[in-house]
C-alpha cells in the first residue's frame, strides 16, 4: 500500500526562474521537507484569494466547482498528488456522493484550489517526497550574501546546462538555506533530469 504524506500549504511565491509562473510550496506535516510545485498565474491567484480570505465579485472557476459540490451533496474527501512524470505532477480528487466514492483526475493546481475551498486534506506519496522534496533546516544560517544569490540566479538561469552536477547540488543546498524555492526547484529538476539520463 502506498504510504501517504499529509501536506499543508506553506505559501506562494513569484517564480524568478520561469516567467509568468509561481511556486506553490507545500510542507509535510510534522516534518522539515518542502515540496515546490510550479503553477500558472490564474491558479496562483485562485489559491491566494482563499488563503487571504478574499471574495471575488463573481465566482471563479474553482468557486463554481465548490458551489456545484455543495448543491449536489458532493464531499471532497481528499486530494492525492500521486505521480510526477515528464516534469508534471498528477493529482486526483477523492469524492463521495450518496455513499459512493469516485476518483477524478485533476491538475494539481486545480485540485489544491478546490481543496482549500472545501477544507479538505492534501496528500502525496513518500516516493514523491523522497525524490522531489527539499529538506529545509530552519536552524541553519544563510551562508551566502544577497549579491551572491542574485549572481547565482542569473548564472543558473542562463548556463545551467554547463554547470557540473556536484556544483548544482551545492547550489541547491545554498538555495534551500536561503529559502529560494524557485531556484531550488529549477536546480532539483536539472539534477533529477541528469541522474535519470545517467540511469537510463
N, C-alpha and C. Protein backbone atom coordinates (compact mmCIF):
# COMPACT_ATOMS: atom_id res chain seq x y z
N UNK A 1 0.85 -1.20 0.00
CA UNK A 1 0.00 0.00 0.00
C UNK A 1 0.88 1.25 0.00
N UNK A 2 0.50 2.23 -0.81
CA UNK A 2 1.29 3.45 -0.93
C UNK A 2 1.24 4.26 0.36
N UNK A 3 2.41 4.62 0.88
CA UNK A 3 2.47 5.44 2.08
C UNK A 3 2.17 6.88 1.71
N UNK A 4 1.22 7.49 2.41
CA UNK A 4 0.83 8.85 2.14
C UNK A 4 1.47 9.82 3.12
N UNK A 5 1.79 10.99 2.62
CA UNK A 5 2.34 12.07 3.44
C UNK A 5 1.38 13.25 3.37
N UNK A 6 0.91 13.70 4.53
CA UNK A 6 -0.02 14.83 4.55
C UNK A 6 0.73 16.14 4.36
N UNK A 7 0.16 17.01 3.55
CA UNK A 7 0.80 18.28 3.21
C UNK A 7 -0.05 19.46 3.65
N UNK A 8 0.62 20.56 3.91
CA UNK A 8 -0.06 21.84 4.12
C UNK A 8 0.62 22.86 3.22
N UNK A 9 -0.10 23.91 2.89
CA UNK A 9 0.46 24.94 2.01
C UNK A 9 1.24 25.94 2.84
N UNK A 10 2.53 26.05 2.53
CA UNK A 10 3.39 26.98 3.24
C UNK A 10 3.25 28.39 2.67
N UNK A 11 3.05 28.47 1.35
CA UNK A 11 2.88 29.78 0.73
C UNK A 11 3.04 29.71 -0.77
N UNK A 12 2.89 30.86 -1.40
CA UNK A 12 3.06 31.01 -2.84
C UNK A 12 4.04 32.14 -3.07
N UNK A 13 4.99 31.93 -3.96
CA UNK A 13 5.94 33.00 -4.28
C UNK A 13 6.11 33.11 -5.78
N UNK A 14 6.47 34.29 -6.23
CA UNK A 14 6.67 34.52 -7.66
C UNK A 14 7.92 33.80 -8.12
N UNK A 15 7.83 33.12 -9.24
CA UNK A 15 8.97 32.37 -9.77
C UNK A 15 9.94 33.31 -10.47
N UNK A 16 11.19 33.29 -10.01
CA UNK A 16 12.22 34.11 -10.63
C UNK A 16 12.90 33.39 -11.79
N UNK A 17 12.65 32.10 -11.93
CA UNK A 17 13.33 31.32 -12.97
C UNK A 17 12.39 30.89 -14.08
N UNK A 18 11.09 31.16 -13.94
CA UNK A 18 10.15 30.82 -15.00
C UNK A 18 9.14 31.94 -15.12
N UNK A 19 9.21 32.67 -16.21
CA UNK A 19 8.36 33.85 -16.39
C UNK A 19 6.88 33.46 -16.38
N UNK A 20 6.08 34.27 -15.72
CA UNK A 20 4.65 34.07 -15.70
C UNK A 20 4.18 32.90 -14.86
N UNK A 21 5.02 32.42 -13.97
CA UNK A 21 4.67 31.26 -13.15
C UNK A 21 4.93 31.57 -11.68
N UNK A 22 4.34 30.75 -10.83
CA UNK A 22 4.51 30.87 -9.39
C UNK A 22 4.90 29.52 -8.81
N UNK A 23 5.51 29.55 -7.64
CA UNK A 23 5.86 28.32 -6.95
C UNK A 23 4.94 28.15 -5.76
N UNK A 24 4.20 27.04 -5.75
CA UNK A 24 3.34 26.68 -4.64
C UNK A 24 4.16 25.77 -3.73
N UNK A 25 4.40 26.22 -2.50
CA UNK A 25 5.27 25.49 -1.58
C UNK A 25 4.46 24.72 -0.55
N UNK A 26 4.63 23.40 -0.55
CA UNK A 26 3.98 22.54 0.44
C UNK A 26 4.97 22.18 1.54
N UNK A 27 4.46 21.98 2.73
CA UNK A 27 5.27 21.48 3.85
C UNK A 27 4.64 20.19 4.34
N UNK A 28 5.48 19.19 4.62
CA UNK A 28 4.93 17.95 5.16
C UNK A 28 4.54 18.15 6.62
N UNK A 29 3.51 17.43 7.04
CA UNK A 29 3.06 17.53 8.42
C UNK A 29 4.10 16.95 9.37
N UNK A 30 4.47 17.72 10.37
CA UNK A 30 5.45 17.30 11.38
C UNK A 30 6.79 16.90 10.76
N UNK A 31 7.23 17.64 9.74
CA UNK A 31 8.50 17.33 9.09
C UNK A 31 9.16 18.58 8.56
N UNK A 32 10.36 18.42 8.02
CA UNK A 32 11.13 19.57 7.53
C UNK A 32 11.22 19.61 6.01
N UNK A 33 10.60 18.64 5.34
CA UNK A 33 10.68 18.63 3.88
C UNK A 33 9.67 19.58 3.26
N UNK A 34 10.10 20.22 2.17
CA UNK A 34 9.24 21.15 1.42
C UNK A 34 9.13 20.65 -0.02
N UNK A 35 7.92 20.74 -0.56
CA UNK A 35 7.68 20.28 -1.93
C UNK A 35 7.22 21.46 -2.78
N UNK A 36 8.09 22.01 -3.63
CA UNK A 36 7.71 23.13 -4.50
C UNK A 36 7.07 22.59 -5.79
N UNK A 37 5.97 23.20 -6.20
CA UNK A 37 5.31 22.84 -7.45
C UNK A 37 5.03 24.13 -8.21
N UNK A 38 5.48 24.20 -9.45
CA UNK A 38 5.28 25.39 -10.27
C UNK A 38 3.86 25.38 -10.83
N UNK A 39 3.15 26.51 -10.68
CA UNK A 39 1.78 26.62 -11.18
C UNK A 39 1.64 27.92 -11.96
N UNK A 40 0.58 28.01 -12.74
CA UNK A 40 0.33 29.20 -13.56
C UNK A 40 -0.28 30.34 -12.76
N UNK A 41 -0.32 31.51 -13.38
CA UNK A 41 -0.83 32.70 -12.72
C UNK A 41 -2.30 32.60 -12.31
N UNK A 42 -3.21 32.14 -13.19
CA UNK A 42 -4.62 32.07 -12.78
C UNK A 42 -4.84 31.16 -11.58
N UNK A 43 -4.16 30.02 -11.57
CA UNK A 43 -4.30 29.08 -10.46
C UNK A 43 -3.72 29.68 -9.18
N UNK A 44 -2.58 30.36 -9.30
CA UNK A 44 -1.97 31.00 -8.13
C UNK A 44 -2.91 32.06 -7.54
N UNK A 45 -3.55 32.82 -8.40
CA UNK A 45 -4.48 33.85 -7.93
C UNK A 45 -5.68 33.22 -7.24
N UNK A 46 -6.18 32.13 -7.81
CA UNK A 46 -7.33 31.45 -7.22
C UNK A 46 -7.01 30.89 -5.84
N UNK A 47 -5.80 30.36 -5.69
CA UNK A 47 -5.37 29.83 -4.40
C UNK A 47 -5.12 30.96 -3.41
N UNK A 48 -4.48 32.03 -3.87
CA UNK A 48 -4.15 33.16 -2.99
C UNK A 48 -5.41 33.84 -2.46
N UNK A 49 -6.44 33.90 -3.28
CA UNK A 49 -7.70 34.54 -2.85
C UNK A 49 -8.26 33.85 -1.61
N UNK A 50 -8.21 32.52 -1.61
CA UNK A 50 -8.72 31.78 -0.46
C UNK A 50 -7.80 31.95 0.74
N UNK A 51 -6.49 31.88 0.52
CA UNK A 51 -5.54 32.00 1.61
C UNK A 51 -5.63 33.36 2.28
N UNK A 52 -5.99 34.39 1.51
CA UNK A 52 -6.07 35.75 2.05
C UNK A 52 -7.49 36.14 2.44
N UNK A 53 -8.41 35.14 2.42
CA UNK A 53 -9.80 35.37 2.82
C UNK A 53 -10.48 36.48 2.02
N UNK A 54 -10.21 36.49 0.73
CA UNK A 54 -10.83 37.48 -0.15
C UNK A 54 -12.02 36.84 -0.88
N UNK A 55 -12.97 37.67 -1.27
CA UNK A 55 -14.14 37.19 -2.01
C UNK A 55 -14.22 37.93 -3.34
N UNK A 56 -14.08 37.22 -4.47
CA UNK A 56 -14.16 37.87 -5.77
C UNK A 56 -15.59 38.34 -6.04
N UNK A 57 -15.78 39.37 -6.87
CA UNK A 57 -17.14 39.88 -7.15
C UNK A 57 -18.04 38.84 -7.82
N UNK A 58 -17.44 37.96 -8.63
CA UNK A 58 -18.18 36.88 -9.26
C UNK A 58 -17.40 35.59 -9.04
N UNK A 59 -18.08 34.44 -9.00
CA UNK A 59 -17.38 33.17 -8.73
C UNK A 59 -16.32 32.85 -9.78
N UNK A 60 -15.13 32.46 -9.32
CA UNK A 60 -14.10 31.95 -10.21
C UNK A 60 -14.45 30.50 -10.55
N UNK A 61 -13.67 29.90 -11.46
CA UNK A 61 -13.95 28.53 -11.89
C UNK A 61 -13.96 27.57 -10.69
N UNK A 62 -13.01 27.74 -9.78
CA UNK A 62 -12.93 26.85 -8.63
C UNK A 62 -14.06 27.12 -7.64
N UNK A 63 -14.53 28.36 -7.57
CA UNK A 63 -15.70 28.67 -6.76
C UNK A 63 -16.94 27.99 -7.34
N UNK A 64 -17.01 27.96 -8.67
CA UNK A 64 -18.13 27.30 -9.34
C UNK A 64 -18.16 25.81 -9.00
N UNK A 65 -17.00 25.16 -9.05
CA UNK A 65 -16.92 23.74 -8.69
C UNK A 65 -17.37 23.54 -7.25
N UNK A 66 -16.90 24.41 -6.37
CA UNK A 66 -17.28 24.33 -4.96
C UNK A 66 -18.79 24.46 -4.78
N UNK A 67 -19.39 25.39 -5.50
CA UNK A 67 -20.84 25.58 -5.41
C UNK A 67 -21.60 24.37 -5.95
N UNK A 68 -21.08 23.77 -7.02
CA UNK A 68 -21.70 22.56 -7.58
C UNK A 68 -21.64 21.43 -6.56
N UNK A 69 -20.47 21.27 -5.93
CA UNK A 69 -20.33 20.22 -4.90
C UNK A 69 -21.38 20.41 -3.81
N UNK A 70 -21.54 21.64 -3.34
CA UNK A 70 -22.49 21.91 -2.27
C UNK A 70 -23.92 21.62 -2.69
N UNK A 71 -24.26 22.03 -3.90
CA UNK A 71 -25.63 21.87 -4.39
C UNK A 71 -26.00 20.40 -4.62
N UNK A 72 -25.01 19.59 -5.03
CA UNK A 72 -25.28 18.20 -5.35
C UNK A 72 -24.91 17.24 -4.22
N UNK A 73 -24.51 17.78 -3.08
CA UNK A 73 -24.17 16.94 -1.94
C UNK A 73 -22.91 16.11 -2.16
N UNK A 74 -21.93 16.70 -2.82
CA UNK A 74 -20.67 16.00 -3.10
C UNK A 74 -19.62 16.44 -2.07
N UNK A 75 -18.96 15.49 -1.47
CA UNK A 75 -17.93 15.77 -0.46
C UNK A 75 -16.56 15.43 -1.03
N UNK A 76 -15.63 16.37 -0.92
CA UNK A 76 -14.24 16.10 -1.33
C UNK A 76 -13.51 15.54 -0.12
N UNK A 77 -13.22 14.24 -0.17
CA UNK A 77 -12.58 13.57 0.96
C UNK A 77 -11.11 13.92 1.06
N UNK A 78 -10.43 13.98 -0.10
CA UNK A 78 -9.01 14.31 -0.09
C UNK A 78 -8.52 14.61 -1.50
N UNK A 79 -7.40 15.29 -1.57
CA UNK A 79 -6.64 15.45 -2.81
C UNK A 79 -5.37 14.62 -2.66
N UNK A 80 -5.06 13.85 -3.69
CA UNK A 80 -3.90 12.98 -3.64
C UNK A 80 -2.99 13.27 -4.82
N UNK A 81 -1.80 13.81 -4.54
CA UNK A 81 -0.78 14.05 -5.57
C UNK A 81 0.01 12.75 -5.68
N UNK A 82 -0.26 11.96 -6.70
CA UNK A 82 0.20 10.58 -6.72
C UNK A 82 1.35 10.27 -7.67
N UNK A 83 1.69 11.23 -8.56
CA UNK A 83 2.72 10.88 -9.54
C UNK A 83 3.42 12.15 -10.04
N UNK A 84 4.72 12.00 -10.36
CA UNK A 84 5.47 13.04 -11.06
C UNK A 84 6.05 12.41 -12.31
N UNK A 85 5.70 12.97 -13.47
CA UNK A 85 6.13 12.37 -14.73
C UNK A 85 6.32 13.44 -15.79
N UNK A 86 7.46 13.40 -16.47
CA UNK A 86 7.77 14.33 -17.57
C UNK A 86 7.56 15.78 -17.14
N UNK A 87 8.03 16.09 -15.95
CA UNK A 87 8.01 17.47 -15.48
C UNK A 87 6.69 17.95 -14.91
N UNK A 88 5.72 17.05 -14.73
CA UNK A 88 4.41 17.46 -14.23
C UNK A 88 3.96 16.56 -13.08
N UNK A 89 3.27 17.18 -12.12
CA UNK A 89 2.67 16.43 -11.02
C UNK A 89 1.24 16.05 -11.40
N UNK A 90 0.83 14.85 -11.03
CA UNK A 90 -0.51 14.37 -11.30
C UNK A 90 -1.27 14.23 -9.99
N UNK A 91 -2.54 14.63 -10.00
CA UNK A 91 -3.35 14.57 -8.78
C UNK A 91 -4.73 14.00 -9.10
N UNK A 92 -5.41 13.60 -8.06
CA UNK A 92 -6.79 13.13 -8.21
C UNK A 92 -7.61 13.58 -7.02
N UNK A 93 -8.90 13.75 -7.27
CA UNK A 93 -9.85 14.10 -6.24
C UNK A 93 -10.58 12.83 -5.80
N UNK A 94 -10.68 12.60 -4.52
CA UNK A 94 -11.48 11.51 -4.00
C UNK A 94 -12.80 12.11 -3.51
N UNK A 95 -13.88 11.82 -4.26
CA UNK A 95 -15.19 12.40 -3.97
C UNK A 95 -16.14 11.35 -3.42
N UNK A 96 -17.12 11.81 -2.64
CA UNK A 96 -18.16 10.91 -2.15
C UNK A 96 -19.52 11.58 -2.31
N UNK A 97 -20.45 10.81 -2.90
CA UNK A 97 -21.82 11.29 -3.06
C UNK A 97 -22.77 10.12 -2.85
N UNK A 98 -23.72 10.30 -1.98
CA UNK A 98 -24.72 9.26 -1.69
C UNK A 98 -24.07 7.92 -1.34
N UNK A 99 -22.99 7.98 -0.58
CA UNK A 99 -22.34 6.76 -0.12
C UNK A 99 -21.39 6.12 -1.11
N UNK A 100 -21.30 6.65 -2.32
CA UNK A 100 -20.39 6.11 -3.34
C UNK A 100 -19.19 7.02 -3.50
N UNK A 101 -18.02 6.42 -3.71
CA UNK A 101 -16.79 7.20 -3.86
C UNK A 101 -16.31 7.19 -5.31
N UNK A 102 -15.74 8.30 -5.72
CA UNK A 102 -15.26 8.46 -7.09
C UNK A 102 -13.87 9.08 -7.05
N UNK A 103 -13.01 8.63 -7.95
CA UNK A 103 -11.67 9.22 -8.10
C UNK A 103 -11.62 9.94 -9.44
N UNK A 104 -11.34 11.23 -9.39
CA UNK A 104 -11.37 12.07 -10.59
C UNK A 104 -9.98 12.67 -10.83
N UNK A 105 -9.44 12.48 -12.01
CA UNK A 105 -8.13 13.02 -12.37
C UNK A 105 -8.19 14.55 -12.41
N UNK A 106 -7.12 15.19 -12.00
CA UNK A 106 -7.11 16.65 -11.94
C UNK A 106 -5.69 17.18 -12.05
N UNK A 107 -5.57 18.40 -12.55
CA UNK A 107 -4.29 19.10 -12.42
C UNK A 107 -4.09 19.40 -10.94
N UNK A 108 -2.86 19.36 -10.51
CA UNK A 108 -2.57 19.57 -9.09
C UNK A 108 -3.03 20.95 -8.62
N UNK A 109 -2.78 21.97 -9.41
CA UNK A 109 -3.15 23.33 -9.00
C UNK A 109 -4.66 23.46 -8.85
N UNK A 110 -5.44 22.86 -9.75
CA UNK A 110 -6.90 22.91 -9.65
C UNK A 110 -7.37 22.15 -8.42
N UNK A 111 -6.78 20.98 -8.19
CA UNK A 111 -7.17 20.16 -7.04
C UNK A 111 -6.92 20.91 -5.74
N UNK A 112 -5.78 21.57 -5.65
CA UNK A 112 -5.44 22.32 -4.43
C UNK A 112 -6.39 23.49 -4.23
N UNK A 113 -6.72 24.19 -5.31
CA UNK A 113 -7.63 25.34 -5.22
C UNK A 113 -9.00 24.91 -4.71
N UNK A 114 -9.45 23.73 -5.13
CA UNK A 114 -10.74 23.22 -4.66
C UNK A 114 -10.63 22.73 -3.22
N UNK A 115 -9.52 22.06 -2.90
CA UNK A 115 -9.32 21.55 -1.54
C UNK A 115 -9.34 22.68 -0.51
N UNK A 116 -8.75 23.82 -0.85
CA UNK A 116 -8.75 24.95 0.07
C UNK A 116 -10.16 25.44 0.35
N UNK A 117 -11.00 25.42 -0.69
CA UNK A 117 -12.37 25.90 -0.53
C UNK A 117 -13.23 24.92 0.28
N UNK A 118 -12.90 23.65 0.21
CA UNK A 118 -13.69 22.64 0.93
C UNK A 118 -13.02 22.20 2.23
N UNK A 119 -11.88 22.80 2.54
CA UNK A 119 -11.13 22.45 3.76
C UNK A 119 -10.80 20.96 3.80
N UNK A 120 -10.39 20.44 2.64
CA UNK A 120 -10.08 19.01 2.52
C UNK A 120 -8.57 18.79 2.63
N UNK A 121 -8.17 17.62 3.14
CA UNK A 121 -6.73 17.34 3.28
C UNK A 121 -6.06 17.07 1.94
N UNK A 122 -4.76 17.35 1.90
CA UNK A 122 -3.95 17.12 0.70
C UNK A 122 -2.83 16.16 1.06
N UNK A 123 -2.64 15.14 0.23
CA UNK A 123 -1.62 14.13 0.47
C UNK A 123 -0.76 13.94 -0.77
N UNK A 124 0.43 13.40 -0.56
CA UNK A 124 1.26 12.93 -1.66
C UNK A 124 1.90 11.62 -1.21
N UNK A 125 2.74 11.05 -2.07
CA UNK A 125 3.37 9.77 -1.72
C UNK A 125 4.74 10.01 -1.08
N UNK A 126 5.18 9.05 -0.31
CA UNK A 126 6.52 9.12 0.27
C UNK A 126 7.57 9.10 -0.84
N UNK A 127 7.29 8.39 -1.91
CA UNK A 127 8.23 8.33 -3.04
C UNK A 127 8.44 9.70 -3.65
N UNK A 128 7.36 10.44 -3.86
CA UNK A 128 7.48 11.79 -4.40
C UNK A 128 8.27 12.68 -3.44
N UNK A 129 8.02 12.55 -2.16
CA UNK A 129 8.75 13.37 -1.19
C UNK A 129 10.24 13.03 -1.20
N UNK A 130 10.55 11.76 -1.32
CA UNK A 130 11.96 11.35 -1.34
C UNK A 130 12.67 11.85 -2.59
N UNK A 131 11.97 11.86 -3.72
CA UNK A 131 12.60 12.22 -4.99
C UNK A 131 12.54 13.71 -5.32
N UNK A 132 11.49 14.40 -4.84
CA UNK A 132 11.25 15.76 -5.31
C UNK A 132 11.29 16.82 -4.20
N UNK A 133 11.18 16.40 -2.96
CA UNK A 133 11.13 17.39 -1.87
C UNK A 133 12.52 17.93 -1.55
N UNK A 134 12.52 19.06 -0.89
CA UNK A 134 13.74 19.71 -0.46
C UNK A 134 13.72 19.76 1.07
N UNK A 135 14.83 19.35 1.67
CA UNK A 135 14.92 19.37 3.13
C UNK A 135 15.35 20.75 3.58
N UNK A 136 14.58 21.33 4.47
CA UNK A 136 14.88 22.68 4.94
C UNK A 136 15.07 22.66 6.45
N UNK A 137 16.24 23.03 6.89
CA UNK A 137 16.55 23.09 8.32
C UNK A 137 16.44 24.54 8.77
N UNK A 138 15.42 24.86 9.53
CA UNK A 138 15.17 26.24 9.94
C UNK A 138 16.26 26.78 10.85
N UNK A 139 17.09 25.90 11.41
CA UNK A 139 18.14 26.35 12.32
C UNK A 139 19.42 26.75 11.58
N UNK A 140 19.49 26.39 10.30
CA UNK A 140 20.70 26.72 9.56
C UNK A 140 20.74 28.21 9.23
N UNK A 141 21.93 28.74 9.18
CA UNK A 141 22.11 30.15 8.89
C UNK A 141 22.56 30.32 7.44
N UNK A 142 22.00 31.32 6.79
CA UNK A 142 22.36 31.59 5.40
C UNK A 142 23.85 31.88 5.29
N UNK A 143 24.53 31.14 4.37
CA UNK A 143 25.98 31.24 4.28
C UNK A 143 26.45 32.18 3.18
N UNK A 144 25.57 32.58 2.29
CA UNK A 144 26.00 33.48 1.21
C UNK A 144 25.17 34.75 1.26
N UNK A 145 25.73 35.84 0.80
CA UNK A 145 25.00 37.11 0.88
C UNK A 145 24.08 37.27 -0.33
N UNK A 146 23.27 38.34 -0.30
CA UNK A 146 22.26 38.55 -1.33
C UNK A 146 22.88 38.72 -2.70
N UNK A 147 24.00 39.39 -2.79
CA UNK A 147 24.63 39.60 -4.09
C UNK A 147 25.02 38.27 -4.72
N UNK A 148 25.58 37.37 -3.94
CA UNK A 148 25.96 36.06 -4.47
C UNK A 148 24.74 35.30 -4.95
N UNK A 149 23.62 35.43 -4.23
CA UNK A 149 22.41 34.76 -4.62
C UNK A 149 21.90 35.28 -5.96
N UNK A 150 21.95 36.61 -6.13
CA UNK A 150 21.48 37.19 -7.38
C UNK A 150 22.35 36.75 -8.55
N UNK A 151 23.67 36.69 -8.33
CA UNK A 151 24.57 36.21 -9.37
C UNK A 151 24.28 34.74 -9.68
N UNK A 152 23.97 33.98 -8.65
CA UNK A 152 23.69 32.56 -8.82
C UNK A 152 22.43 32.35 -9.66
N UNK A 153 21.40 33.13 -9.38
CA UNK A 153 20.16 33.02 -10.15
C UNK A 153 20.42 33.31 -11.61
N UNK A 154 21.19 34.36 -11.88
CA UNK A 154 21.47 34.73 -13.26
C UNK A 154 22.29 33.65 -13.95
N UNK A 155 23.32 33.15 -13.28
CA UNK A 155 24.19 32.15 -13.88
C UNK A 155 23.44 30.84 -14.13
N UNK A 156 22.69 30.39 -13.13
CA UNK A 156 21.96 29.14 -13.27
C UNK A 156 20.91 29.27 -14.36
N UNK A 157 20.23 30.41 -14.38
CA UNK A 157 19.17 30.60 -15.37
C UNK A 157 19.68 30.55 -16.79
N UNK A 158 20.91 31.03 -17.04
CA UNK A 158 21.42 31.12 -18.40
C UNK A 158 22.33 29.96 -18.78
N UNK A 159 23.02 29.35 -17.78
CA UNK A 159 24.06 28.38 -18.11
C UNK A 159 23.91 27.07 -17.34
N UNK A 160 22.70 26.72 -16.97
CA UNK A 160 22.52 25.55 -16.13
C UNK A 160 23.02 24.28 -16.79
N UNK A 161 22.96 24.22 -18.11
CA UNK A 161 23.41 23.02 -18.83
C UNK A 161 24.92 22.84 -18.70
N UNK A 162 25.65 23.94 -18.43
CA UNK A 162 27.11 23.86 -18.41
C UNK A 162 27.67 23.62 -17.00
N UNK A 163 26.81 23.69 -16.00
CA UNK A 163 27.27 23.55 -14.63
C UNK A 163 27.38 22.08 -14.25
N UNK A 164 28.48 21.71 -13.58
CA UNK A 164 28.67 20.32 -13.16
C UNK A 164 27.64 19.94 -12.11
N UNK A 165 27.27 18.65 -12.08
CA UNK A 165 26.21 18.20 -11.19
C UNK A 165 26.58 18.40 -9.72
N UNK A 166 27.87 18.23 -9.37
CA UNK A 166 28.28 18.47 -7.98
C UNK A 166 28.07 19.92 -7.57
N UNK A 167 28.33 20.81 -8.51
CA UNK A 167 28.11 22.24 -8.26
C UNK A 167 26.62 22.53 -8.12
N UNK A 168 25.81 21.87 -8.95
CA UNK A 168 24.36 22.05 -8.86
C UNK A 168 23.86 21.63 -7.49
N UNK A 169 24.37 20.50 -6.98
CA UNK A 169 23.93 20.00 -5.68
C UNK A 169 24.32 20.98 -4.57
N UNK A 170 25.51 21.55 -4.68
CA UNK A 170 25.96 22.51 -3.67
C UNK A 170 25.08 23.76 -3.70
N UNK A 171 24.78 24.21 -4.91
CA UNK A 171 23.95 25.42 -5.03
C UNK A 171 22.51 25.14 -4.61
N UNK A 172 22.07 23.90 -4.79
CA UNK A 172 20.75 23.52 -4.31
C UNK A 172 20.69 23.68 -2.79
N UNK A 173 21.73 23.22 -2.10
CA UNK A 173 21.78 23.35 -0.65
C UNK A 173 21.74 24.83 -0.24
N UNK A 174 22.48 25.65 -0.96
CA UNK A 174 22.52 27.08 -0.64
C UNK A 174 21.16 27.73 -0.90
N UNK A 175 20.50 27.32 -1.98
CA UNK A 175 19.18 27.89 -2.30
C UNK A 175 18.16 27.53 -1.24
N UNK A 176 18.26 26.30 -0.72
CA UNK A 176 17.34 25.87 0.33
C UNK A 176 17.56 26.67 1.60
N UNK A 177 18.85 26.88 1.96
CA UNK A 177 19.16 27.68 3.15
C UNK A 177 18.60 29.10 3.02
N UNK A 178 18.63 29.60 1.79
CA UNK A 178 18.15 30.96 1.54
C UNK A 178 16.64 31.02 1.36
N UNK A 179 15.98 29.84 1.44
CA UNK A 179 14.54 29.73 1.21
C UNK A 179 14.16 30.23 -0.18
N UNK A 180 15.09 30.09 -1.13
CA UNK A 180 14.83 30.47 -2.52
C UNK A 180 14.29 29.23 -3.24
N UNK A 181 13.02 28.96 -3.03
CA UNK A 181 12.44 27.72 -3.52
C UNK A 181 12.32 27.68 -5.04
N UNK A 182 12.19 28.86 -5.67
CA UNK A 182 12.09 28.87 -7.12
C UNK A 182 13.39 28.36 -7.76
N UNK A 183 14.51 28.90 -7.28
CA UNK A 183 15.80 28.46 -7.78
C UNK A 183 16.04 27.00 -7.41
N UNK A 184 15.68 26.65 -6.18
CA UNK A 184 15.87 25.27 -5.74
C UNK A 184 15.09 24.29 -6.61
N UNK A 185 13.89 24.68 -7.02
CA UNK A 185 13.09 23.81 -7.88
C UNK A 185 13.77 23.59 -9.22
N UNK A 186 14.31 24.66 -9.80
CA UNK A 186 14.99 24.54 -11.09
C UNK A 186 16.23 23.66 -10.97
N UNK A 187 16.99 23.86 -9.91
CA UNK A 187 18.19 23.05 -9.68
C UNK A 187 17.82 21.58 -9.45
N UNK A 188 16.81 21.35 -8.64
CA UNK A 188 16.38 19.98 -8.36
C UNK A 188 15.95 19.27 -9.63
N UNK A 189 15.17 19.96 -10.48
CA UNK A 189 14.70 19.34 -11.72
C UNK A 189 15.86 19.01 -12.66
N UNK A 190 16.85 19.90 -12.72
CA UNK A 190 18.01 19.65 -13.59
C UNK A 190 18.83 18.47 -13.06
N UNK A 191 19.01 18.40 -11.75
CA UNK A 191 19.75 17.27 -11.16
C UNK A 191 19.03 15.95 -11.43
N UNK A 192 17.70 15.94 -11.23
CA UNK A 192 16.93 14.72 -11.48
C UNK A 192 16.97 14.33 -12.95
N UNK A 193 16.94 15.34 -13.84
CA UNK A 193 16.98 15.05 -15.28
C UNK A 193 18.30 14.39 -15.65
N UNK A 194 19.40 14.91 -15.12
CA UNK A 194 20.70 14.34 -15.44
C UNK A 194 20.88 12.94 -14.85
N UNK A 195 20.44 12.77 -13.61
CA UNK A 195 20.57 11.48 -12.98
C UNK A 195 19.69 10.45 -13.68
N UNK A 196 18.53 10.88 -14.15
CA UNK A 196 17.67 9.96 -14.88
C UNK A 196 18.30 9.55 -16.21
N UNK A 197 18.99 10.51 -16.84
CA UNK A 197 19.66 10.22 -18.11
C UNK A 197 20.82 9.25 -17.90
N UNK A 198 21.52 9.42 -16.76
CA UNK A 198 22.64 8.53 -16.47
C UNK A 198 22.17 7.11 -16.17
N UNK A 199 21.00 7.02 -15.51
CA UNK A 199 20.48 5.70 -15.13
C UNK A 199 19.71 5.03 -16.24
N UNK A 200 19.35 5.81 -17.27
CA UNK A 200 18.51 5.27 -18.35
C UNK A 200 19.30 4.44 -19.34
